[in-house]
Amino acid sequence: MADPVRPAGGETPARRGPKPKWLRVPLTTGPVYNRVRGLLRRLELHTVCEEARCPNVHECWSAGTATVMILGDTCTRACRFCAVKTGRPAPPDPDEPRRVAEAVAELGLRHVVVTSVDRDDLPDGGADHFRQVIEAIHGRVPGCAVEVLTPDFRQDPRRALDLVLSARPEVFSHNVETVPELYRRVRPGSDFEESLDLLRRAADRRDEFGGYVKTAMMLGLGETDEQVAATIRRIAEAGVEVLALGQYLQPTPRQAPVARYVPPEEFARWREFGLAAGLRYVEAGPLVRSSYHAERQGR
């Protein structure tokens, strides 16, 4: 399949006027949303929905789902696309796995996404804490599928992957975030090849842990069509089965500016391109995030 061709006039300059209509999200609150919010507050849990200012928070919470962010709310890195605060994190909370499992049970979830900040201050990058959370959820809610969205575990990726996969998550996910050419500007402190290698090694062990492997990317940071196409091909060649592809939105003035707004029809073409490249499932659209409609993917 040929690379998608950006149509004339399809590029909407990010700095001219309001956001395009396809990025306008209605705020939906109600009893379910308020229940999820209250439960998370009571159990003192963080969510990437709030910390990263996800545009889908009202939709997901109103549906009774959330992406839990473990290991605190302070990251040891400073990626230019992310609104999570940077600094010196507190030690891992040994009671957090129990509280996460309690939240999953109270919400009646059948699929939960567990992610974290980067914890370069820990020898295993927080991998054993991930293991404990997975085991706590499986123990409390045996029928719940656990999707882990992990950092790259740069300190000791092989040992970290051993720890996480030993708990047999139903989905192992790690986001490449953007094309390799933009890493130095957008994702300093990370390395595309290391992220791809982590995904490849997880895919090689798919039969061992019994799940599937997933990643996510953002468009609108200044990448070219050729770079996106090459990155998607490499992701598929690494054995990744599921790709989430969405629009980058600048969360605060401190983060990288949006280079352009990508129209829905272009996301649709990238979806077809990804499937043709060998991916099993591609969730693509302006408001897609790595955990958006996660329960539908990989089936």
C-alpha atoms as a PDB file:
ATOM      1  CA  MET A   1       0.000   0.000   0.000  1.00  0.00           C
ATOM      2  CA  ALA A   2       1.327   3.431  -0.907  1.00  0.00           C
ATOM      3  CA  ASP A   3       2.000   5.980   1.796  1.00  0.00           C
ATOM      4  CA  PRO A   4      -1.032   8.174   2.522  1.00  0.00           C
ATOM      5  CA  VAL A   5      -0.847  11.419   0.583  1.00  0.00           C
ATOM      6  CA  ARG A   6      -1.683  14.552   2.506  1.00  0.00           C
ATOM      7  CA  PRO A   7      -4.427  16.308   0.525  1.00  0.00           C
ATOM      8  CA  ALA A   8      -3.994  19.869  -0.642  1.00  0.00           C
ATOM      9  CA  GLY A   9      -5.382  22.125   2.031  1.00  0.00           C
ATOM     10  CA  GLY A  10      -5.666  19.210   4.481  1.00  0.00           C
ATOM     11  CA  GLU A  11      -3.096  20.678   6.803  1.00  0.00           C
ATOM     12  CA  THR A  12      -4.648  23.029   9.318  1.00  0.00           C
ATOM     13  CA  PRO A  13      -2.063  25.417  10.799  1.00  0.00           C
ATOM     14  CA  ALA A  14      -2.070  24.972  14.562  1.00  0.00           C
ATOM     15  CA  ARG A  15      -1.644  28.634  15.395  1.00  0.00           C
ATOM     16  CA  ARG A  16      -4.426  30.080  13.266  1.00  0.00           C
ATOM     17  CA  GLY A  17      -7.738  30.523  15.029  1.00  0.00           C
ATOM     18  CA  PRO A  18      -9.600  28.002  17.184  1.00  0.00           C
ATOM     19  CA  LYS A  19      -9.118  24.259  17.136  1.00  0.00           C
ATOM     20  CA  PRO A  20     -10.850  22.428  14.268  1.00  0.00           C
ATOM     21  CA  LYS A  21     -14.359  21.178  14.940  1.00  0.00           C
ATOM     22  CA  TRP A  22     -13.204  17.571  15.080  1.00  0.00           C
ATOM     23  CA  LEU A  23     -11.226  18.400  18.239  1.00  0.00           C
ATOM     24  CA  ARG A  24     -14.071  20.004  20.152  1.00  0.00           C
ATOM     25  CA  VAL A  25     -15.047  17.645  22.947  1.00  0.00           C
ATOM     26  CA  PRO A  26     -18.328  18.078  24.855  1.00  0.00           C
ATOM     27  CA  LEU A  27     -17.892  17.930  28.627  1.00  0.00           C
ATOM     28  CA  THR A  28     -20.017  15.092  29.958  1.00  0.00           C
ATOM     29  CA  THR A  29     -20.508  14.758  33.687  1.00  0.00           C
ATOM     30  CA  GLY A  30     -23.065  12.898  35.702  1.00  0.00           C
ATOM     31  CA  PRO A  31     -23.486  10.342  38.487  1.00  0.00           C
ATOM     32  CA  VAL A  32     -21.043   7.788  37.041  1.00  0.00           C
ATOM     33  CA  TYR A  33     -18.367  10.401  36.356  1.00  0.00           C
ATOM     34  CA  ASN A  34     -18.732  11.771  39.879  1.00  0.00           C
ATOM     35  CA  ARG A  35     -18.608   8.262  41.348  1.00  0.00           C
ATOM     36  CA  VAL A  36     -15.328   7.453  39.571  1.00  0.00           C
ATOM     37  CA  ARG A  37     -13.834  10.778  40.603  1.00  0.00           C
ATOM     38  CA  GLY A  38     -14.892  10.296  44.209  1.00  0.00           C
ATOM     39  CA  LEU A  39     -13.566   6.729  44.350  1.00  0.00           C
ATOM     40  CA  LEU A  40     -10.165   7.725  43.004  1.00  0.00           C
ATOM     41  CA  ARG A  41      -9.945  10.575  45.505  1.00  0.00           C
ATOM     42  CA  ARG A  42     -10.937   8.321  48.404  1.00  0.00           C
ATOM     43  CA  LEU A  43      -8.344   5.683  47.502  1.00  0.00           C
ATOM     44  CA  GLU A  44      -5.699   8.364  46.837  1.00  0.00           C
ATOM     45  CA  LEU A  45      -4.980   7.124  43.331  1.00  0.00           C
ATOM     46  CA  HIS A  46      -3.590   9.116  40.424  1.00  0.00           C
ATOM     47  CA  THR A  47      -4.838   8.826  36.849  1.00  0.00           C
ATOM     48  CA  VAL A  48      -3.137   9.720  33.604  1.00  0.00           C
ATOM     49  CA  CYS A  49      -6.568  11.022  32.592  1.00  0.00           C
ATOM     50  CA  GLU A  50      -6.068  14.023  34.875  1.00  0.00           C
ATOM     51  CA  GLU A  51      -2.289  14.307  35.119  1.00  0.00           C
ATOM     52  CA  ALA A  52      -1.800  14.323  31.332  1.00  0.00           C
ATOM     53  CA  ARG A  53      -4.982  16.357  30.732  1.00  0.00           C
ATOM     54  CA  CYS A  54      -6.533  13.775  28.435  1.00  0.00           C
ATOM     55  CA  PRO A  55      -9.375  15.184  26.281  1.00  0.00           C
ATOM     56  CA  ASN A  56     -11.408  11.993  26.755  1.00  0.00           C
ATOM     57  CA  VAL A  57     -11.545  12.081  30.552  1.00  0.00           C
ATOM     58  CA  HIS A  58     -15.241  12.979  30.713  1.00  0.00           C
ATOM     59  CA  GLU A  59     -16.252  10.295  28.201  1.00  0.00           C
ATOM     60  CA  CYS A  60     -14.199   7.548  29.861  1.00  0.00           C
ATOM     61  CA  TRP A  61     -15.112   8.427  33.438  1.00  0.00           C
ATOM     62  CA  SER A  62     -18.775   8.714  32.514  1.00  0.00           C
ATOM     63  CA  ALA A  63     -18.476   5.155  31.138  1.00  0.00           C
ATOM     64  CA  GLY A  64     -16.982   4.056  34.463  1.00  0.00           C
ATOM     65  CA  THR A  65     -13.392   3.515  33.260  1.00  0.00           C
ATOM     66  CA  ALA A  66     -10.059   5.142  34.035  1.00  0.00           C
ATOM     67  CA  THR A  67      -6.347   4.634  33.438  1.00  0.00           C
ATOM     68  CA  VAL A  68      -4.594   4.356  36.779  1.00  0.00           C
ATOM     69  CA  MET A  69      -1.152   5.923  37.101  1.00  0.00           C
ATOM     70  CA  ILE A  70       0.966   4.150  39.715  1.00  0.00           C
ATOM     71  CA  LEU A  71       4.287   5.064  41.350  1.00  0.00           C
ATOM     72  CA  GLY A  72       3.243   8.624  42.149  1.00  0.00           C
ATOM     73  CA  ASP A  73       2.537  11.746  40.133  1.00  0.00           C
ATOM     74  CA  THR A  74       6.126  12.974  39.690  1.00  0.00           C
ATOM     75  CA  CYS A  75       8.243  11.894  36.718  1.00  0.00           C
ATOM     76  CA  THR A  76      12.037  11.761  36.556  1.00  0.00           C
ATOM     77  CA  ARG A  77      12.047  12.903  32.921  1.00  0.00           C
ATOM     78  CA  ALA A  78      10.782  16.010  31.173  1.00  0.00           C
ATOM     79  CA  CYS A  79       9.286  15.021  27.821  1.00  0.00           C
ATOM     80  CA  ARG A  80       8.188  18.098  25.908  1.00  0.00           C
ATOM     81  CA  PHE A  81       4.756  16.695  25.043  1.00  0.00           C
ATOM     82  CA  CYS A  82       3.717  15.731  28.572  1.00  0.00           C
ATOM     83  CA  ALA A  83       2.073  17.748  31.357  1.00  0.00           C
ATOM     84  CA  VAL A  84       3.002  15.381  34.202  1.00  0.00           C
ATOM     85  CA  LYS A  85       5.242  17.230  36.646  1.00  0.00           C
ATOM     86  CA  THR A  86       8.971  16.522  36.836  1.00  0.00           C
ATOM     87  CA  GLY A  87      11.017  16.256  39.992  1.00  0.00           C
ATOM     88  CA  ARG A  88      12.195  13.882  42.700  1.00  0.00           C
ATOM     89  CA  PRO A  89       9.465  11.273  43.310  1.00  0.00           C
ATOM     90  CA  ALA A  90       8.533   9.800  46.673  1.00  0.00           C
ATOM     91  CA  PRO A  91       9.337   6.123  47.345  1.00  0.00           C
ATOM     92  CA  PRO A  92       6.793   3.620  45.978  1.00  0.00           C
ATOM     93  CA  ASP A  93       3.743   3.181  48.206  1.00  0.00           C
ATOM     94  CA  PRO A  94       3.584  -0.499  49.289  1.00  0.00           C
ATOM     95  CA  ASP A  95      -0.194  -0.248  49.807  1.00  0.00           C
ATOM     96  CA  GLU A  96      -0.879   1.086  46.306  1.00  0.00           C
ATOM     97  CA  PRO A  97      -1.373  -2.351  44.643  1.00  0.00           C
ATOM     98  CA  ARG A  98      -4.155  -3.157  47.126  1.00  0.00           C
ATOM     99  CA  ARG A  99      -5.881   0.187  46.561  1.00  0.00           C
ATOM    100  CA  VAL A 100      -5.709  -0.161  42.777  1.00  0.00           C
ATOM    101  CA  ALA A 101      -7.266  -3.623  42.991  1.00  0.00           C
ATOM    102  CA  GLU A 102      -9.967  -2.253  45.294  1.00  0.00           C
ATOM    103  CA  ALA A 103     -10.806   0.486  42.778  1.00  0.00           C
ATOM    104  CA  VAL A 104     -11.012  -2.050  39.939  1.00  0.00           C
ATOM    105  CA  ALA A 105     -13.341  -4.222  42.029  1.00  0.00           C
ATOM    106  CA  GLU A 106     -15.600  -1.334  43.080  1.00  0.00           C
ATOM    107  CA  LEU A 107     -15.886  -0.055  39.505  1.00  0.00           C
ATOM    108  CA  GLY A 108     -16.618  -3.552  38.198  1.00  0.00           C
ATOM    109  CA  LEU A 109     -14.018  -3.229  35.442  1.00  0.00           C
ATOM    110  CA  ARG A 110     -13.370  -6.022  32.948  1.00  0.00           C
ATOM    111  CA  HIS A 111     -10.371  -4.253  31.406  1.00  0.00           C
ATOM    112  CA  VAL A 112      -8.088  -1.849  33.268  1.00  0.00           C
ATOM    113  CA  VAL A 113      -5.079   0.108  32.029  1.00  0.00           C
ATOM    114  CA  VAL A 114      -2.223   0.610  34.480  1.00  0.00           C
ATOM    115  CA  THR A 115       0.521   3.080  33.595  1.00  0.00           C
ATOM    116  CA  SER A 116       3.174   5.035  35.489  1.00  0.00           C
ATOM    117  CA  VAL A 117       5.533   7.946  35.467  1.00  0.00           C
ATOM    118  CA  ASP A 118       9.180   7.284  34.561  1.00  0.00           C
ATOM    119  CA  ARG A 119      11.064   6.193  37.676  1.00  0.00           C
ATOM    120  CA  ASP A 120      14.742   6.348  36.708  1.00  0.00           C
ATOM    121  CA  ASP A 121      15.492   6.727  40.427  1.00  0.00           C
ATOM    122  CA  LEU A 122      14.586   3.059  41.033  1.00  0.00           C
ATOM    123  CA  PRO A 123      16.992   0.229  40.074  1.00  0.00           C
ATOM    124  CA  ASP A 124      14.213  -1.675  38.273  1.00  0.00           C
ATOM    125  CA  GLY A 125      12.388   1.429  37.020  1.00  0.00           C
ATOM    126  CA  GLY A 126       9.339   0.407  39.025  1.00  0.00           C
ATOM    127  CA  ALA A 127       8.919  -2.976  37.311  1.00  0.00           C
ATOM    128  CA  ASP A 128       8.372  -4.961  40.513  1.00  0.00           C
ATOM    129  CA  HIS A 129       5.672  -2.499  41.569  1.00  0.00           C
ATOM    130  CA  PHE A 130       3.939  -3.151  38.235  1.00  0.00           C
ATOM    131  CA  ARG A 131       4.169  -6.881  38.991  1.00  0.00           C
ATOM    132  CA  GLN A 132       2.566  -6.387  42.397  1.00  0.00           C
ATOM    133  CA  VAL A 133      -0.277  -4.306  40.941  1.00  0.00           C
ATOM    134  CA  ILE A 134      -1.030  -6.883  38.218  1.00  0.00           C
ATOM    135  CA  GLU A 135      -1.056  -9.708  40.757  1.00  0.00           C
ATOM    136  CA  ALA A 136      -3.261  -7.719  43.156  1.00  0.00           C
ATOM    137  CA  ILE A 137      -5.842  -7.038  40.428  1.00  0.00           C
ATOM    138  CA  HIS A 138      -5.841 -10.642  39.198  1.00  0.00           C
ATOM    139  CA  GLY A 139      -6.215 -11.829  42.774  1.00  0.00           C
ATOM    140  CA  ARG A 140      -9.099  -9.484  43.603  1.00  0.00           C
ATOM    141  CA  VAL A 141     -10.898  -9.510  40.221  1.00  0.00           C
ATOM    142  CA  PRO A 142      -9.858 -12.732  38.410  1.00  0.00           C
ATOM    143  CA  GLY A 143     -11.873 -11.973  35.278  1.00  0.00           C
ATOM    144  CA  CYS A 144     -10.381  -8.514  34.713  1.00  0.00           C
ATOM    145  CA  ALA A 145      -7.902  -8.072  31.862  1.00  0.00           C
ATOM    146  CA  VAL A 146      -4.892  -5.999  32.905  1.00  0.00           C
ATOM    147  CA  GLU A 147      -3.174  -3.797  30.331  1.00  0.00           C
ATOM    148  CA  VAL A 148       0.132  -2.343  31.477  1.00  0.00           C
ATOM    149  CA  LEU A 149       1.534   0.742  29.765  1.00  0.00           C
ATOM    150  CA  THR A 150       5.104   0.813  31.010  1.00  0.00           C
ATOM    151  CA  PRO A 151       8.069   3.173  30.720  1.00  0.00           C
ATOM    152  CA  ASP A 152      11.180   1.969  28.875  1.00  0.00           C
ATOM    153  CA  PHE A 153      12.974   0.745  32.048  1.00  0.00           C
ATOM    154  CA  ARG A 154      16.290   2.123  30.769  1.00  0.00           C
ATOM    155  CA  GLN A 155      18.160   1.133  33.944  1.00  0.00           C
ATOM    156  CA  ASP A 156      17.754  -2.627  33.362  1.00  0.00           C
ATOM    157  CA  PRO A 157      15.155  -3.358  30.668  1.00  0.00           C
ATOM    158  CA  ARG A 158      15.697  -7.123  30.492  1.00  0.00           C
ATOM    159  CA  ARG A 159      15.214  -7.729  34.214  1.00  0.00           C
ATOM    160  CA  ALA A 160      12.330  -5.259  34.303  1.00  0.00           C
ATOM    161  CA  LEU A 161      10.547  -7.048  31.464  1.00  0.00           C
ATOM    162  CA  ASP A 162      11.039 -10.375  33.270  1.00  0.00           C
ATOM    163  CA  LEU A 163       9.345  -8.952  36.369  1.00  0.00           C
ATOM    164  CA  VAL A 164       6.373  -7.452  34.537  1.00  0.00           C
ATOM    165  CA  LEU A 165       5.710 -10.441  32.276  1.00  0.00           C
ATOM    166  CA  SER A 166       6.005 -12.877  35.184  1.00  0.00           C
ATOM    167  CA  ALA A 167       2.616 -11.549  36.367  1.00  0.00           C
ATOM    168  CA  ARG A 168       1.099 -12.394  32.947  1.00  0.00           C
ATOM    169  CA  PRO A 169      -0.629  -9.131  31.972  1.00  0.00           C
ATOM    170  CA  GLU A 170      -3.203  -9.553  29.234  1.00  0.00           C
ATOM    171  CA  VAL A 171      -1.629  -6.642  27.331  1.00  0.00           C
ATOM    172  CA  PHE A 172       1.939  -5.333  27.409  1.00  0.00           C
ATOM    173  CA  SER A 173       2.110  -1.789  26.072  1.00  0.00           C
ATOM    174  CA  HIS A 174       4.902   0.741  25.740  1.00  0.00           C
ATOM    175  CA  ASN A 175       4.498   3.920  23.704  1.00  0.00           C
ATOM    176  CA  VAL A 176       7.059   5.010  21.138  1.00  0.00           C
ATOM    177  CA  GLU A 177       5.149   8.347  21.147  1.00  0.00           C
ATOM    178  CA  THR A 178       6.639   9.842  17.974  1.00  0.00           C
ATOM    179  CA  VAL A 179       8.948   9.181  15.036  1.00  0.00           C
ATOM    180  CA  PRO A 180      12.646   8.615  15.881  1.00  0.00           C
ATOM    181  CA  GLU A 181      13.694  11.813  14.115  1.00  0.00           C
ATOM    182  CA  LEU A 182      11.834  13.902  16.731  1.00  0.00           C
ATOM    183  CA  TYR A 183      13.090  12.163  19.858  1.00  0.00           C
ATOM    184  CA  ARG A 184      15.871  14.620  20.653  1.00  0.00           C
ATOM    185  CA  ARG A 185      13.458  17.562  20.523  1.00  0.00           C
ATOM    186  CA  VAL A 186      10.282  15.978  21.895  1.00  0.00           C
ATOM    187  CA  ARG A 187      11.376  13.067  24.067  1.00  0.00           C
ATOM    188  CA  PRO A 188      14.827  13.845  25.525  1.00  0.00           C
ATOM    189  CA  GLY A 189      16.132  11.172  27.859  1.00  0.00           C
ATOM    190  CA  SER A 190      14.522   8.407  25.796  1.00  0.00           C
ATOM    191  CA  ASP A 191      15.723   6.438  22.786  1.00  0.00           C
ATOM    192  CA  PHE A 192      13.528   5.131  19.979  1.00  0.00           C
ATOM    193  CA  GLU A 193      15.676   2.058  19.356  1.00  0.00           C
ATOM    194  CA  GLU A 194      15.518   1.090  23.029  1.00  0.00           C
ATOM    195  CA  SER A 195      11.737   1.493  23.063  1.00  0.00           C
ATOM    196  CA  LEU A 196      11.390  -0.591  19.904  1.00  0.00           C
ATOM    197  CA  ASP A 197      13.687  -3.261  21.340  1.00  0.00           C
ATOM    198  CA  LEU A 198      11.556  -3.491  24.500  1.00  0.00           C
ATOM    199  CA  LEU A 199       8.463  -4.026  22.353  1.00  0.00           C
ATOM    200  CA  ARG A 200      10.266  -6.589  20.198  1.00  0.00           C
ATOM    201  CA  ARG A 201      11.407  -8.609  23.201  1.00  0.00           C
ATOM    202  CA  ALA A 202       7.910  -8.543  24.682  1.00  0.00           C
ATOM    203  CA  ALA A 203       6.475  -9.719  21.352  1.00  0.00           C
ATOM    204  CA  ASP A 204       8.993 -12.570  21.243  1.00  0.00           C
ATOM    205  CA  ARG A 205       7.612 -13.748  24.597  1.00  0.00           C
ATOM    206  CA  ARG A 206       3.954 -13.476  23.673  1.00  0.00           C
ATOM    207  CA  ASP A 207       3.358 -17.221  24.046  1.00  0.00           C
ATOM    208  CA  GLU A 208       4.969 -17.142  27.475  1.00  0.00           C
ATOM    209  CA  PHE A 209       2.742 -14.493  29.064  1.00  0.00           C
ATOM    210  CA  GLY A 210      -0.292 -15.147  26.897  1.00  0.00           C
ATOM    211  CA  GLY A 211      -1.084 -11.559  25.945  1.00  0.00           C
ATOM    212  CA  TYR A 212      -0.533  -9.172  23.055  1.00  0.00           C
ATOM    213  CA  VAL A 213       1.779  -6.198  22.510  1.00  0.00           C
ATOM    214  CA  LYS A 214       0.713  -2.641  21.805  1.00  0.00           C
ATOM    215  CA  THR A 215       2.164   0.839  21.267  1.00  0.00           C
ATOM    216  CA  ALA A 216       0.964   4.375  20.521  1.00  0.00           C
ATOM    217  CA  MET A 217       2.074   7.422  18.560  1.00  0.00           C
ATOM    218  CA  MET A 218       1.043  11.062  18.256  1.00  0.00           C
ATOM    219  CA  LEU A 219       0.805  13.040  15.025  1.00  0.00           C
ATOM    220  CA  GLY A 220       1.084  16.806  14.715  1.00  0.00           C
ATOM    221  CA  LEU A 221       4.529  17.337  16.253  1.00  0.00           C
ATOM    222  CA  GLY A 222       6.286  18.099  12.974  1.00  0.00           C
ATOM    223  CA  GLU A 223       6.777  14.601  11.541  1.00  0.00           C
ATOM    224  CA  THR A 224       6.636  13.915   7.791  1.00  0.00           C
ATOM    225  CA  ASP A 225       4.477  11.322   6.071  1.00  0.00           C
ATOM    226  CA  GLU A 226       7.597   9.380   5.104  1.00  0.00           C
ATOM    227  CA  GLN A 227       8.762   9.277   8.728  1.00  0.00           C
ATOM    228  CA  VAL A 228       5.360   8.092   9.957  1.00  0.00           C
ATOM    229  CA  ALA A 229       5.177   5.367   7.312  1.00  0.00           C
ATOM    230  CA  ALA A 230       8.685   4.122   8.134  1.00  0.00           C
ATOM    231  CA  THR A 231       7.925   4.102  11.864  1.00  0.00           C
ATOM    232  CA  ILE A 232       4.687   2.158  11.434  1.00  0.00           C
ATOM    233  CA  ARG A 233       6.490  -0.425   9.302  1.00  0.00           C
ATOM    234  CA  ARG A 234       9.200  -0.858  11.932  1.00  0.00           C
ATOM    235  CA  ILE A 235       6.585  -1.216  14.683  1.00  0.00           C
ATOM    236  CA  ALA A 236       4.822  -3.966  12.725  1.00  0.00           C
ATOM    237  CA  GLU A 237       8.125  -5.701  11.917  1.00  0.00           C
ATOM    238  CA  ALA A 238       8.964  -5.746  15.642  1.00  0.00           C
ATOM    239  CA  GLY A 239       5.914  -7.937  16.273  1.00  0.00           C
ATOM    240  CA  VAL A 240       3.621  -5.290  17.753  1.00  0.00           C
ATOM    241  CA  GLU A 241      -0.020  -6.166  17.105  1.00  0.00           C
ATOM    242  CA  VAL A 242      -1.949  -3.048  18.142  1.00  0.00           C
ATOM    243  CA  LEU A 243      -1.260   0.633  17.407  1.00  0.00           C
ATOM    244  CA  ALA A 244      -3.111   3.656  18.794  1.00  0.00           C
ATOM    245  CA  LEU A 245      -2.605   6.782  16.705  1.00  0.00           C
ATOM    246  CA  GLY A 246      -3.871  10.205  17.798  1.00  0.00           C
ATOM    247  CA  GLN A 247      -3.432  13.965  17.547  1.00  0.00           C
ATOM    248  CA  TYR A 248      -0.885  15.689  19.773  1.00  0.00           C
ATOM    249  CA  LEU A 249      -2.483  18.493  21.772  1.00  0.00           C
ATOM    250  CA  GLN A 250      -0.350  20.980  23.675  1.00  0.00           C
ATOM    251  CA  PRO A 251      -1.463  20.511  27.315  1.00  0.00           C
ATOM    252  CA  THR A 252       0.003  23.797  28.627  1.00  0.00           C
ATOM    253  CA  PRO A 253       2.112  26.636  27.156  1.00  0.00           C
ATOM    254  CA  ARG A 254       5.202  24.969  28.655  1.00  0.00           C
ATOM    255  CA  GLN A 255       5.010  21.975  26.317  1.00  0.00           C
ATOM    256  CA  ALA A 256       5.945  21.716  22.642  1.00  0.00           C
ATOM    257  CA  PRO A 257       3.590  23.592  20.298  1.00  0.00           C
ATOM    258  CA  VAL A 258       1.318  21.767  17.894  1.00  0.00           C
ATOM    259  CA  ALA A 259       2.858  21.822  14.412  1.00  0.00           C
ATOM    260  CA  ARG A 260      -0.446  21.025  12.675  1.00  0.00           C
ATOM    261  CA  TYR A 261      -3.870  19.534  13.218  1.00  0.00           C
ATOM    262  CA  VAL A 262      -4.355  16.270  11.362  1.00  0.00           C
ATOM    263  CA  PRO A 263      -7.839  15.807   9.844  1.00  0.00           C
ATOM    264  CA  PRO A 264      -9.878  12.645  10.537  1.00  0.00           C
ATOM    265  CA  GLU A 265      -9.639  11.415   6.949  1.00  0.00           C
ATOM    266  CA  GLU A 266      -5.846  11.316   7.217  1.00  0.00           C
ATOM    267  CA  PHE A 267      -6.072   9.217  10.369  1.00  0.00           C
ATOM    268  CA  ALA A 268      -8.367   6.855   8.458  1.00  0.00           C
ATOM    269  CA  ARG A 269      -5.725   6.441   5.760  1.00  0.00           C
ATOM    270  CA  TRP A 270      -3.037   5.753   8.359  1.00  0.00           C
ATOM    271  CA  ARG A 271      -5.282   3.115   9.876  1.00  0.00           C
ATOM    272  CA  GLU A 272      -5.494   1.309   6.529  1.00  0.00           C
ATOM    273  CA  PHE A 273      -1.755   1.727   6.045  1.00  0.00           C
ATOM    274  CA  GLY A 274      -1.026   0.153   9.440  1.00  0.00           C
ATOM    275  CA  LEU A 275      -3.267  -2.826   8.768  1.00  0.00           C
ATOM    276  CA  ALA A 276      -1.618  -3.349   5.389  1.00  0.00           C
ATOM    277  CA  ALA A 277       1.799  -3.178   7.084  1.00  0.00           C
ATOM    278  CA  GLY A 278       0.868  -6.159   9.253  1.00  0.00           C
ATOM    279  CA  LEU A 279      -0.682  -4.722  12.410  1.00  0.00           C
ATOM    280  CA  ARG A 280      -3.726  -6.629  13.676  1.00  0.00           C
ATOM    281  CA  TYR A 281      -5.627  -3.620  15.019  1.00  0.00           C
ATOM    282  CA  VAL A 282      -5.207   0.138  14.582  1.00  0.00           C
ATOM    283  CA  GLU A 283      -7.201   2.674  16.621  1.00  0.00           C
ATOM    284  CA  ALA A 284      -6.705   5.987  14.800  1.00  0.00           C
ATOM    285  CA  GLY A 285      -8.358   9.364  15.147  1.00  0.00           C
ATOM    286  CA  PRO A 286      -7.735  12.904  16.399  1.00  0.00           C
ATOM    287  CA  LEU A 287      -8.870  12.153  19.968  1.00  0.00           C
ATOM    288  CA  VAL A 288      -7.357   8.666  20.246  1.00  0.00           C
ATOM    289  CA  ARG A 289      -4.988   8.073  23.150  1.00  0.00           C
ATOM    290  CA  SER A 290      -3.144   4.881  24.055  1.00  0.00           C
ATOM    291  CA  SER A 291      -5.862   3.728  26.449  1.00  0.00           C
ATOM    292  CA  TYR A 292      -8.859   5.010  24.476  1.00  0.00           C
ATOM    293  CA  HIS A 293     -11.288   2.127  23.786  1.00  0.00           C
ATOM    294  CA  ALA A 294      -8.559  -0.200  25.081  1.00  0.00           C
ATOM    295  CA  GLU A 295     -11.107  -2.869  25.952  1.00  0.00           C
ATOM    296  CA  ARG A 296     -12.041  -3.222  22.255  1.00  0.00           C
ATOM    297  CA  GLN A 297      -8.540  -3.680  20.906  1.00  0.00           C
ATOM    298  CA  GLY A 298      -6.672  -6.866  20.106  1.00  0.00           C
ATOM    299  CA  ARG A 299      -9.801  -8.994  19.844  1.00  0.00           C
END
